[in-house]
Full PDB file with SEQRES, HELIX, SHEET, SSBOND, CRYST1, ORIGX, SCALE, CONECT and MASTER records, all heavy atoms in Angstrom:
SEQRES   1 A   29  ARG SER ALA SER LEU VAL ALA SER ALA ALA ALA VAL LEU          
SEQRES   2 A   29  ALA LEU THR THR ALA CYS GLY GLN GLU SER GLY THR SER          
SEQRES   3 A   29  ALA SER VAL                                                  
CRYST1    1.000    1.000    1.000  90.00  90.00  90.00 P 1           1          
ORIGX1      1.000000  0.000000  0.000000        0.00000                         
ORIGX2      0.000000  1.000000  0.000000        0.00000                         
ORIGX3      0.000000  0.000000  1.000000        0.00000                         
SCALE1      1.000000  0.000000  0.000000        0.00000                         
SCALE2      0.000000  1.000000  0.000000        0.00000                         
SCALE3      0.000000  0.000000  1.000000        0.00000                         
ATOM      1  N   ARG A   1      30.272  -8.056   4.524  1.00  0.00           N  
ATOM      2  CA  ARG A   1      29.870  -6.836   5.227  1.00  0.00           C  
ATOM      3  C   ARG A   1      28.359  -6.807   5.348  1.00  0.00           C  
ATOM      4  O   ARG A   1      27.668  -7.212   4.435  1.00  0.00           O  
ATOM      5  CB  ARG A   1      30.363  -5.623   4.449  1.00  0.00           C  
ATOM      6  CG  ARG A   1      29.952  -4.289   5.063  1.00  0.00           C  
ATOM      7  CD  ARG A   1      30.510  -3.131   4.259  1.00  0.00           C  
ATOM      8  NE  ARG A   1      31.974  -3.163   4.307  1.00  0.00           N  
ATOM      9  CZ  ARG A   1      32.736  -2.330   3.627  1.00  0.00           C  
ATOM     10  NH1 ARG A   1      32.206  -1.417   2.841  1.00  0.00           N  
ATOM     11  NH2 ARG A   1      34.057  -2.407   3.702  1.00  0.00           N  
ATOM     12  N   SER A   2      27.881  -6.331   6.463  1.00  0.00           N  
ATOM     13  CA  SER A   2      26.419  -6.242   6.645  1.00  0.00           C  
ATOM     14  C   SER A   2      25.833  -5.364   5.571  1.00  0.00           C  
ATOM     15  O   SER A   2      26.296  -4.268   5.334  1.00  0.00           O  
ATOM     16  CB  SER A   2      26.081  -5.644   8.016  1.00  0.00           C  
ATOM     17  OG  SER A   2      26.546  -6.495   9.035  1.00  0.00           O  
ATOM     18  N   ALA A   3      24.838  -5.916   4.904  1.00  0.00           N  
ATOM     19  CA  ALA A   3      24.156  -5.141   3.849  1.00  0.00           C  
ATOM     20  C   ALA A   3      22.734  -4.875   4.291  1.00  0.00           C  
ATOM     21  O   ALA A   3      22.085  -5.736   4.866  1.00  0.00           O  
ATOM     22  CB  ALA A   3      24.163  -5.902   2.543  1.00  0.00           C  
ATOM     23  N   SER A   4      22.256  -3.693   4.053  1.00  0.00           N  
ATOM     24  CA  SER A   4      20.886  -3.333   4.440  1.00  0.00           C  
ATOM     25  C   SER A   4      19.908  -4.075   3.575  1.00  0.00           C  
ATOM     26  O   SER A   4      20.058  -4.104   2.365  1.00  0.00           O  
ATOM     27  CB  SER A   4      20.672  -1.821   4.277  1.00  0.00           C  
ATOM     28  OG  SER A   4      21.557  -1.127   5.120  1.00  0.00           O  
ATOM     29  N   LEU A   5      18.946  -4.702   4.210  1.00  0.00           N  
ATOM     30  CA  LEU A   5      17.905  -5.390   3.458  1.00  0.00           C  
ATOM     31  C   LEU A   5      16.959  -4.362   2.871  1.00  0.00           C  
ATOM     32  O   LEU A   5      16.605  -3.381   3.521  1.00  0.00           O  
ATOM     33  CB  LEU A   5      17.119  -6.353   4.364  1.00  0.00           C  
ATOM     34  CG  LEU A   5      17.930  -7.540   4.898  1.00  0.00           C  
ATOM     35  CD1 LEU A   5      17.096  -8.347   5.865  1.00  0.00           C  
ATOM     36  CD2 LEU A   5      18.387  -8.411   3.756  1.00  0.00           C  
ATOM     37  N   VAL A   6      16.589  -4.602   1.638  1.00  0.00           N  
ATOM     38  CA  VAL A   6      15.671  -3.676   0.977  1.00  0.00           C  
ATOM     39  C   VAL A   6      14.262  -3.959   1.476  1.00  0.00           C  
ATOM     40  O   VAL A   6      13.770  -5.067   1.332  1.00  0.00           O  
ATOM     41  CB  VAL A   6      15.723  -3.874  -0.551  1.00  0.00           C  
ATOM     42  CG1 VAL A   6      14.756  -2.904  -1.227  1.00  0.00           C  
ATOM     43  CG2 VAL A   6      17.132  -3.642  -1.054  1.00  0.00           C  
ATOM     44  N   ALA A   7      13.650  -2.992   2.099  1.00  0.00           N  
ATOM     45  CA  ALA A   7      12.300  -3.187   2.652  1.00  0.00           C  
ATOM     46  C   ALA A   7      11.282  -3.264   1.543  1.00  0.00           C  
ATOM     47  O   ALA A   7      11.437  -2.668   0.495  1.00  0.00           O  
ATOM     48  CB  ALA A   7      11.952  -2.043   3.595  1.00  0.00           C  
ATOM     49  N   SER A   8      10.242  -4.069   1.769  1.00  0.00           N  
ATOM     50  CA  SER A   8       9.146  -4.141   0.790  1.00  0.00           C  
ATOM     51  C   SER A   8       8.429  -2.802   0.730  1.00  0.00           C  
ATOM     52  O   SER A   8       8.320  -2.096   1.730  1.00  0.00           O  
ATOM     53  CB  SER A   8       8.142  -5.221   1.197  1.00  0.00           C  
ATOM     54  OG  SER A   8       8.785  -6.454   1.255  1.00  0.00           O  
ATOM     55  N   ALA A   9       7.959  -2.448  -0.455  1.00  0.00           N  
ATOM     56  CA  ALA A   9       7.257  -1.164  -0.626  1.00  0.00           C  
ATOM     57  C   ALA A   9       6.025  -1.144   0.266  1.00  0.00           C  
ATOM     58  O   ALA A   9       5.236  -2.080   0.289  1.00  0.00           O  
ATOM     59  CB  ALA A   9       6.862  -0.993  -2.079  1.00  0.00           C  
ATOM     60  N   ALA A  10       5.864  -0.047   1.038  1.00  0.00           N  
ATOM     61  CA  ALA A  10       4.745   0.054   1.987  1.00  0.00           C  
ATOM     62  C   ALA A  10       3.444   0.316   1.273  1.00  0.00           C  
ATOM     63  O   ALA A  10       3.399   1.029   0.290  1.00  0.00           O  
ATOM     64  CB  ALA A  10       5.027   1.183   2.973  1.00  0.00           C  
ATOM     65  N   ALA A  11       2.386  -0.298   1.774  1.00  0.00           N  
ATOM     66  CA  ALA A  11       1.058  -0.068   1.184  1.00  0.00           C  
ATOM     67  C   ALA A  11       0.606   1.349   1.476  1.00  0.00           C  
ATOM     68  O   ALA A  11       0.910   1.921   2.505  1.00  0.00           O  
ATOM     69  CB  ALA A  11       0.068  -1.070   1.766  1.00  0.00           C  
ATOM     70  N   VAL A  12      -0.097   1.938   0.564  1.00  0.00           N  
ATOM     71  CA  VAL A  12      -0.598   3.295   0.760  1.00  0.00           C  
ATOM     72  C   VAL A  12      -1.820   3.212   1.657  1.00  0.00           C  
ATOM     73  O   VAL A  12      -2.764   2.493   1.360  1.00  0.00           O  
ATOM     74  CB  VAL A  12      -0.998   3.906  -0.590  1.00  0.00           C  
ATOM     75  CG1 VAL A  12      -1.401   5.368  -0.410  1.00  0.00           C  
ATOM     76  CG2 VAL A  12       0.154   3.816  -1.556  1.00  0.00           C  
ATOM     77  N   LEU A  13      -1.784   3.972   2.792  1.00  0.00           N  
ATOM     78  CA  LEU A  13      -2.852   3.857   3.784  1.00  0.00           C  
ATOM     79  C   LEU A  13      -3.741   5.082   3.782  1.00  0.00           C  
ATOM     80  O   LEU A  13      -3.286   6.214   3.674  1.00  0.00           O  
ATOM     81  CB  LEU A  13      -2.243   3.655   5.175  1.00  0.00           C  
ATOM     82  CG  LEU A  13      -1.362   2.401   5.344  1.00  0.00           C  
ATOM     83  CD1 LEU A  13      -0.771   2.352   6.740  1.00  0.00           C  
ATOM     84  CD2 LEU A  13      -2.173   1.154   5.073  1.00  0.00           C  
ATOM     85  N   ALA A  14      -5.038   4.830   3.957  1.00  0.00           N  
ATOM     86  CA  ALA A  14      -6.043   5.873   4.171  1.00  0.00           C  
ATOM     87  C   ALA A  14      -5.942   6.997   3.165  1.00  0.00           C  
ATOM     88  O   ALA A  14      -5.972   8.159   3.500  1.00  0.00           O  
ATOM     89  CB  ALA A  14      -5.923   6.426   5.592  1.00  0.00           C  
ATOM     90  N   LEU A  15      -5.890   6.628   1.897  1.00  0.00           N  
ATOM     91  CA  LEU A  15      -5.840   7.631   0.838  1.00  0.00           C  
ATOM     92  C   LEU A  15      -7.194   7.671   0.147  1.00  0.00           C  
ATOM     93  O   LEU A  15      -7.522   6.821  -0.656  1.00  0.00           O  
ATOM     94  CB  LEU A  15      -4.758   7.231  -0.180  1.00  0.00           C  
ATOM     95  CG  LEU A  15      -3.608   8.230  -0.391  1.00  0.00           C  
ATOM     96  CD1 LEU A  15      -2.639   7.666  -1.413  1.00  0.00           C  
ATOM     97  CD2 LEU A  15      -4.137   9.558  -0.862  1.00  0.00           C  
ATOM     98  N   THR A  16      -7.996   8.650   0.477  1.00  0.00           N  
ATOM     99  CA  THR A  16      -9.302   8.770  -0.162  1.00  0.00           C  
ATOM    100  C   THR A  16      -9.101   9.199  -1.592  1.00  0.00           C  
ATOM    101  O   THR A  16      -8.372  10.132  -1.863  1.00  0.00           O  
ATOM    102  CB  THR A  16     -10.163   9.804   0.572  1.00  0.00           C  
ATOM    103  OG1 THR A  16     -10.275   9.398   1.945  1.00  0.00           O  
ATOM    104  CG2 THR A  16     -11.531   9.895  -0.059  1.00  0.00           C  
ATOM    105  N   THR A  17      -9.701   8.491  -2.514  1.00  0.00           N  
ATOM    106  CA  THR A  17      -9.492   8.769  -3.928  1.00  0.00           C  
ATOM    107  C   THR A  17     -10.818   8.841  -4.661  1.00  0.00           C  
ATOM    108  O   THR A  17     -11.878   8.573  -4.114  1.00  0.00           O  
ATOM    109  CB  THR A  17      -8.654   7.659  -4.576  1.00  0.00           C  
ATOM    110  OG1 THR A  17      -9.486   6.504  -4.694  1.00  0.00           O  
ATOM    111  CG2 THR A  17      -7.436   7.314  -3.754  1.00  0.00           C  
ATOM    112  N   ALA A  18     -10.683   9.154  -5.960  1.00  0.00           N  
ATOM    113  CA  ALA A  18     -11.867   9.235  -6.805  1.00  0.00           C  
ATOM    114  C   ALA A  18     -12.377   7.865  -7.186  1.00  0.00           C  
ATOM    115  O   ALA A  18     -13.355   7.732  -7.901  1.00  0.00           O  
ATOM    116  CB  ALA A  18     -11.531  10.037  -8.059  1.00  0.00           C  
ATOM    117  N   CYS A  19     -11.678   6.807  -6.729  1.00  0.00           N  
ATOM    118  CA  CYS A  19     -12.098   5.458  -7.094  1.00  0.00           C  
ATOM    119  C   CYS A  19     -13.281   4.979  -6.268  1.00  0.00           C  
ATOM    120  O   CYS A  19     -13.793   3.895  -6.501  1.00  0.00           O  
ATOM    121  CB  CYS A  19     -10.938   4.477  -6.895  1.00  0.00           C  
ATOM    122  SG  CYS A  19      -9.443   4.958  -7.741  1.00  0.00           S  
ATOM    123  N   GLY A  20     -13.652   5.727  -5.230  1.00  0.00           N  
ATOM    124  CA  GLY A  20     -14.798   5.333  -4.419  1.00  0.00           C  
ATOM    125  C   GLY A  20     -14.444   4.439  -3.262  1.00  0.00           C  
ATOM    126  O   GLY A  20     -15.307   3.828  -2.663  1.00  0.00           O  
ATOM    127  N   GLN A  21     -13.127   4.344  -2.932  1.00  0.00           N  
ATOM    128  CA  GLN A  21     -12.736   3.541  -1.788  1.00  0.00           C  
ATOM    129  C   GLN A  21     -11.419   4.070  -1.264  1.00  0.00           C  
ATOM    130  O   GLN A  21     -10.773   4.901  -1.860  1.00  0.00           O  
ATOM    131  CB  GLN A  21     -12.572   2.070  -2.165  1.00  0.00           C  
ATOM    132  CG  GLN A  21     -11.354   1.816  -3.077  1.00  0.00           C  
ATOM    133  CD  GLN A  21     -11.081   0.347  -3.234  1.00  0.00           C  
ATOM    134  OE1 GLN A  21     -11.924  -0.367  -3.729  1.00  0.00           O  
ATOM    135  NE2 GLN A  21      -9.928  -0.104  -2.836  1.00  0.00           N  
ATOM    136  N   GLU A  22     -11.018   3.556  -0.094  1.00  0.00           N  
ATOM    137  CA  GLU A  22      -9.742   3.930   0.480  1.00  0.00           C  
ATOM    138  C   GLU A  22      -8.746   2.828   0.218  1.00  0.00           C  
ATOM    139  O   GLU A  22      -9.101   1.677   0.024  1.00  0.00           O  
ATOM    140  CB  GLU A  22      -9.869   4.168   1.986  1.00  0.00           C  
ATOM    141  CG  GLU A  22     -10.708   5.400   2.318  1.00  0.00           C  
ATOM    142  CD  GLU A  22     -10.702   5.698   3.798  1.00  0.00           C  
ATOM    143  OE1 GLU A  22     -10.368   4.785   4.576  1.00  0.00           O  
ATOM    144  OE2 GLU A  22     -11.032   6.811   4.162  1.00  0.00           O  
ATOM    145  N   SER A  23      -7.464   3.229   0.215  1.00  0.00           N  
ATOM    146  CA  SER A  23      -6.400   2.266  -0.008  1.00  0.00           C  
ATOM    147  C   SER A  23      -6.458   1.163   1.026  1.00  0.00           C  
ATOM    148  O   SER A  23      -6.728   1.391   2.181  1.00  0.00           O  
ATOM    149  CB  SER A  23      -5.057   2.979   0.089  1.00  0.00           C  
ATOM    150  OG  SER A  23      -4.016   2.049   0.178  1.00  0.00           O  
ATOM    151  N   GLY A  24      -6.150  -0.082   0.571  1.00  0.00           N  
ATOM    152  CA  GLY A  24      -6.083  -1.196   1.494  1.00  0.00           C  
ATOM    153  C   GLY A  24      -7.372  -1.979   1.582  1.00  0.00           C  
ATOM    154  O   GLY A  24      -7.397  -3.038   2.174  1.00  0.00           O  
ATOM    155  N   THR A  25      -8.443  -1.486   0.988  1.00  0.00           N  
ATOM    156  CA  THR A  25      -9.695  -2.230   1.015  1.00  0.00           C  
ATOM    157  C   THR A  25      -9.759  -3.153  -0.166  1.00  0.00           C  
ATOM    158  O   THR A  25      -9.178  -2.910  -1.201  1.00  0.00           O  
ATOM    159  CB  THR A  25     -10.896  -1.272   0.990  1.00  0.00           C  
ATOM    160  OG1 THR A  25     -10.819  -0.487  -0.182  1.00  0.00           O  
ATOM    161  CG2 THR A  25     -10.905  -0.366   2.206  1.00  0.00           C  
ATOM    162  N   SER A  26     -10.486  -4.226  -0.027  1.00  0.00           N  
ATOM    163  CA  SER A  26     -10.570  -5.205  -1.100  1.00  0.00           C  
ATOM    164  C   SER A  26     -11.429  -4.693  -2.233  1.00  0.00           C  
ATOM    165  O   SER A  26     -12.484  -4.108  -2.022  1.00  0.00           O  
ATOM    166  CB  SER A  26     -11.162  -6.524  -0.578  1.00  0.00           C  
ATOM    167  OG  SER A  26     -10.336  -7.071   0.417  1.00  0.00           O  
ATOM    168  N   ALA A  27     -10.973  -4.962  -3.456  1.00  0.00           N  
ATOM    169  CA  ALA A  27     -11.757  -4.589  -4.624  1.00  0.00           C  
ATOM    170  C   ALA A  27     -12.860  -5.603  -4.839  1.00  0.00           C  
ATOM    171  O   ALA A  27     -12.779  -6.739  -4.405  1.00  0.00           O  
ATOM    172  CB  ALA A  27     -10.846  -4.525  -5.847  1.00  0.00           C  
ATOM    173  N   SER A  28     -13.891  -5.169  -5.543  1.00  0.00           N  
ATOM    174  CA  SER A  28     -14.976  -6.082  -5.867  1.00  0.00           C  
ATOM    175  C   SER A  28     -14.469  -7.200  -6.746  1.00  0.00           C  
ATOM    176  O   SER A  28     -13.602  -7.017  -7.572  1.00  0.00           O  
ATOM    177  CB  SER A  28     -16.074  -5.318  -6.615  1.00  0.00           C  
ATOM    178  OG  SER A  28     -16.532  -4.230  -5.850  1.00  0.00           O  
ATOM    179  N   VAL A  29     -15.010  -8.381  -6.565  1.00  0.00           N  
ATOM    180  CA  VAL A  29     -14.564  -9.528  -7.329  1.00  0.00           C  
ATOM    181  C   VAL A  29     -15.144  -9.461  -8.732  1.00  0.00           C  
ATOM    182  O   VAL A  29     -16.345  -9.438  -8.925  1.00  0.00           O  
ATOM    183  CB  VAL A  29     -15.005 -10.842  -6.633  1.00  0.00           C  
ATOM    184  CG1 VAL A  29     -14.540 -12.025  -7.449  1.00  0.00           C  
ATOM    185  CG2 VAL A  29     -14.457 -10.914  -5.220  1.00  0.00           C  
TER     186      VAL A  29                                                      
MASTER        0    0    0    0    0    0    0    6  185    1    0    3          
END                                                                             
């Protein structure tokens, strides 16, 4: 029977936080 594929968890977009950056941007190395 056709089974629904489990989608990968979506990245959190454009969430301004107290971390000093928005979601999806690269962290400092």
